[in-house]
Protein backbone atom coordinates (compact mmCIF):
# COMPACT_ATOMS: atom_id res chain seq x y z
CA MET A 1 1.95 56.39 46.45
CA GLN A 2 -0.11 57.92 49.22
CA ASN A 3 -0.26 54.58 51.00
CA PHE A 4 3.54 54.39 50.86
CA ARG A 5 3.93 57.87 52.28
CA GLU A 6 1.55 57.06 55.15
CA ALA A 7 3.38 53.89 55.88
CA MET A 8 6.69 55.80 55.94
CA ILE A 9 5.26 58.40 58.33
CA GLN A 10 4.01 55.64 60.63
CA ALA A 11 7.38 53.86 60.49
CA LEU A 12 9.16 57.08 61.46
CA LYS A 13 6.82 57.57 64.42
CA ALA A 14 7.01 53.98 65.65
CA PRO A 15 9.68 52.98 68.21
CA PRO A 16 12.92 51.79 66.53
CA THR A 17 13.19 48.09 65.98
CA PRO A 18 15.83 46.62 68.35
CA GLU A 19 18.93 45.46 66.46
CA ALA A 20 19.55 41.74 66.87
CA ILE A 21 22.73 40.95 68.83
CA SER A 22 25.16 38.82 66.93
CA PRO A 23 25.80 35.49 68.66
CA TRP A 24 29.51 36.06 68.06
CA ARG A 25 29.33 39.33 70.02
CA GLU A 26 27.42 37.52 72.78
CA VAL A 27 30.43 35.16 73.14
CA LEU A 28 32.82 38.12 73.34
CA SER A 29 30.60 39.79 75.94
CA ASP A 30 30.45 36.63 78.00
CA PHE A 31 34.22 36.26 77.80
CA VAL A 32 34.65 39.82 79.06
CA ALA A 33 32.07 39.37 81.84
CA SER A 34 33.78 36.14 82.99
CA ILE A 35 37.11 37.87 83.35
CA ARG A 36 35.58 40.80 85.31
CA GLU A 37 33.80 38.35 87.60
CA GLY A 38 36.73 36.00 88.12
CA GLU A 39 39.55 38.51 88.26
CA PRO A 40 38.61 41.53 90.39
CA GLY A 41 41.94 43.29 89.68
CA VAL A 42 41.47 43.10 85.90
CA LEU A 43 39.34 45.30 83.65
CA ALA A 44 38.22 43.62 80.44
CA PHE A 45 36.29 45.49 77.81
CA ILE A 46 35.34 45.40 74.13
CA ARG A 47 36.47 48.13 71.79
CA GLN A 48 35.23 48.49 68.20
CA GLY A 49 37.86 48.68 65.53
CA TYR A 50 38.05 51.25 62.78
CA ALA A 51 36.60 48.91 60.18
CA PRO A 52 33.12 47.36 60.27
CA GLY A 53 33.08 44.00 62.03
CA ILE A 54 36.40 44.43 63.77
CA GLU A 55 36.18 43.97 67.58
CA HIS A 56 39.00 44.01 70.14
CA ILE A 57 38.96 42.55 73.65
CA GLU A 58 41.28 44.68 75.73
CA LEU A 59 42.67 43.93 79.20
CA ALA A 60 43.90 46.47 81.67
CA PRO A 61 44.59 46.86 85.42
CA ARG A 62 41.38 47.74 87.12
CA GLY A 63 41.12 51.52 87.45
CA GLN A 64 43.67 52.07 84.72
CA ARG A 65 41.71 51.76 81.47
CA ASP A 66 44.35 53.77 79.59
CA GLU A 67 46.83 50.93 80.15
CA GLY A 68 44.67 48.55 78.13
CA GLN A 69 46.33 46.12 75.76
CA ILE A 70 44.68 44.12 73.03
CA PHE A 71 44.29 40.46 73.97
CA LEU A 72 42.11 39.27 71.10
CA SER A 73 41.06 40.84 67.80
CA VAL A 74 38.35 39.40 65.62
CA ASP A 75 36.58 40.15 62.39
CA ILE A 76 32.90 39.25 62.44
CA GLY A 77 31.51 38.56 59.02
CA PRO A 78 28.14 37.55 57.66
CA THR A 79 28.88 33.80 57.90
CA GLY A 80 31.55 33.47 60.57
CA LEU A 81 34.36 34.94 62.60
CA SER A 82 38.10 35.29 61.97
CA VAL A 83 40.67 35.64 64.78
CA LEU A 84 43.23 38.27 63.73
CA THR A 85 45.72 37.92 66.62
CA GLY A 86 48.17 35.18 67.38
CA GLU A 87 47.46 32.07 65.33
CA GLN A 88 44.84 33.37 62.91
CA ARG A 89 41.87 31.09 62.59
CA ASP A 90 38.41 31.06 61.02
CA PHE A 91 35.27 29.86 62.73
CA VAL A 92 31.88 29.02 61.30
CA THR A 93 30.22 27.67 64.47
CA ILE A 94 29.66 29.34 67.78
CA GLU A 95 30.58 26.13 69.64
CA ASP A 96 34.01 25.97 68.07
CA PHE A 97 34.74 29.61 68.94
CA GLN A 98 33.58 29.09 72.49
CA ALA A 99 35.98 26.10 72.79
CA TYR A 100 38.78 28.24 71.41
CA CYS A 101 38.16 30.93 74.04
CA ILE A 102 38.14 28.37 76.85
CA THR A 103 41.45 27.03 75.58
CA LEU A 104 42.91 30.56 75.55
CA ALA A 105 41.81 31.14 79.13
CA GLY A 106 43.67 28.08 80.33
CA LYS A 107 47.02 28.96 78.76
CA PRO A 108 49.90 29.84 81.11
CA ALA A 109 50.69 33.00 79.19
CA PHE A 110 47.15 34.27 79.73
CA ARG A 111 47.32 33.52 83.44
CA GLU A 112 50.62 35.39 83.67
CA THR A 113 49.06 38.41 81.96
CA LEU A 114 46.16 38.41 84.45
CA ALA A 115 48.65 38.22 87.37
CA GLU A 116 50.68 41.16 86.03
CA LEU A 117 47.55 43.29 85.53
CA THR A 118 46.32 42.48 88.97
CA SER A 119 49.65 43.50 90.45
CA ALA A 120 49.61 46.78 88.53
CA ALA A 121 46.05 47.46 89.80
CA SER A 122 47.40 47.54 93.34
CA GLU A 123 49.45 50.66 92.76
CA PRO A 124 48.32 54.30 93.14
CA VAL A 125 47.48 56.15 89.93
CA ALA A 126 48.83 59.47 88.63
CA GLY A 127 46.23 61.95 87.57
CA PHE A 128 45.87 65.54 86.31
CA LEU A 129 43.67 68.40 87.42
CA ARG A 130 42.94 70.50 84.35
CA PHE A 131 41.38 73.83 83.60
CA GLY A 132 40.54 74.12 79.88
CA HIS A 133 39.28 70.67 78.80
CA VAL A 134 39.72 67.30 80.29
CA ARG A 135 41.61 66.06 77.18
CA ALA A 136 43.61 69.22 76.60
CA ARG A 137 47.08 68.75 78.08
CA ASP A 138 48.74 71.90 79.29
CA PRO A 139 51.94 71.23 81.31
CA ARG A 140 52.06 74.90 82.23
CA ARG A 141 48.80 74.66 84.17
CA ASP A 142 48.01 70.95 84.75
CA ILE A 143 48.31 69.93 88.42
CA VAL A 144 49.76 66.48 88.86
CA VAL A 145 48.15 64.43 91.60
CA THR A 146 48.31 60.91 93.03
CA ILE A 147 45.13 58.88 93.66
CA SER A 148 44.86 55.94 95.99
CA VAL A 149 43.82 52.54 94.69
CA ALA A 150 40.50 52.72 96.52
CA ASP A 151 39.57 56.19 95.25
CA GLN A 152 40.68 55.41 91.73
CA ARG A 153 38.51 52.31 91.69
CA ALA A 154 35.59 54.38 92.96
CA LEU A 155 36.05 56.78 90.07
CA ALA A 156 36.44 53.89 87.57
CA ASP A 157 33.41 51.97 88.81
CA ALA A 158 31.23 55.07 88.68
CA SER A 159 32.51 55.90 85.17
CA GLU A 160 31.85 52.36 83.93
CA SER A 161 28.28 52.42 85.35
CA PRO A 162 25.57 53.22 82.76
CA ASP A 163 24.14 56.07 84.85
CA ARG A 164 27.56 57.35 86.06
CA PRO A 165 26.54 58.52 89.58
CA PRO A 166 28.38 61.36 91.30
CA VAL A 167 31.49 60.30 93.15
CA VAL A 168 33.63 61.73 95.95
CA ILE A 169 37.36 60.99 95.95
CA HIS A 170 40.62 62.46 97.35
CA VAL A 171 43.70 63.37 95.37
CA GLU A 172 47.16 64.37 96.65
CA PRO A 173 49.20 67.01 94.76
CA THR A 174 52.71 65.79 93.95
CA GLY A 175 54.25 69.18 93.18
CA PRO A 176 55.55 70.50 89.84
CA THR A 177 56.83 67.85 87.42
CA PRO A 178 57.63 67.94 83.68
CA TYR A 179 54.06 66.74 83.13
CA GLY A 180 52.50 69.62 84.99
CA HIS A 181 53.71 72.78 86.73
CA GLY A 182 50.38 73.93 88.05
CA VAL A 183 49.73 74.62 91.70
CA TYR A 184 46.32 74.14 93.33
CA ARG A 185 44.56 77.34 94.46
CA SER A 186 41.11 77.15 95.94
CA SER A 187 40.37 80.62 94.52
CA LYS A 188 40.92 79.37 90.95
CA PRO A 189 40.05 75.64 91.06
CA PRO A 190 40.48 73.27 88.14
CA ARG A 191 37.39 72.08 86.21
CA TRP A 192 38.41 68.49 85.41
CA LEU A 193 40.23 65.45 86.73
CA ALA A 194 41.78 62.95 84.28
CA ALA A 195 43.30 59.75 85.65
CA GLY A 196 43.87 56.21 84.35
CA GLY A 197 41.68 56.69 81.31
CA TYR A 198 38.80 58.07 83.35
CA GLY A 199 37.60 61.60 84.00
CA MET A 200 35.43 63.76 86.26
CA GLN A 201 33.78 67.10 85.87
CA ILE A 202 34.59 68.72 89.18
CA GLU A 203 31.55 70.26 90.91
CA ALA A 204 32.95 70.87 94.47
CA HIS A 205 36.36 70.82 96.08
CA GLU A 206 38.02 71.45 99.41
CA ILE A 207 41.23 70.78 101.27
CA GLU A 208 40.93 67.94 103.76
CA SER A 209 43.92 66.66 105.78
CA GLY A 210 46.40 67.90 103.17
CA ARG A 211 44.56 66.33 100.29
CA ILE A 212 42.06 67.77 97.84
CA LYS A 213 38.57 66.36 98.25
CA LEU A 214 36.71 66.37 94.95
CA ARG A 215 33.06 65.73 94.15
CA GLY A 216 31.80 65.58 90.66
CA LYS A 217 30.19 63.74 87.71
CA PRO A 218 32.22 60.97 86.13
CA LEU A 219 32.69 61.14 82.40
CA ASN A 220 32.01 58.46 79.78
CA PRO A 221 35.40 56.73 79.20
CA ALA A 222 34.65 56.68 75.49
CA ASP A 223 34.78 60.45 75.47
CA LEU A 224 38.42 60.40 76.67
CA VAL A 225 39.81 58.23 73.87
């Protein structure tokens, strides 16, 4: 018994054993990476489903993560993978699933989807300056703003980066709308920016050429879902 306890103590002190990456998930990751590399205006990412083994590939206009739509849903099991969207299929070999993904990528409907997302990514994004919490909507106080494509992409890229470096962007107040009646006052500045499925904790602010210049720490997009 003592030997077992000693072994357990040593196991708890040792670095955790890295979890092996499923080859099915490697294919999904490569699929997403290929889209990001080949389609600069499209954001592709993997979202875990609510049940174990369920994975979704979502596509969205770059900089507008909250506009994501599920392109492919799969169920990864102990012996294979099942496609849950479109024509449902089961796969037992990685090679067959890779061939299936390549076929999907070549279909006209998929190309049309990419074109639509790229077009949407070229439009400015509406955002909200908030006071209480970045996810707490309050139309009485929220300040509605517009963010240029370049600044929104800067926020998105910093948010998607593992270290999430500080970012400086400009936002332009649009005036009171049904989504927010707040008015910017430098004496009582907002604490957060939420835009396109991304967020920032505001650390500094100033008026510059009629726009609000913000500097802050991007938030993890997963925290805004």
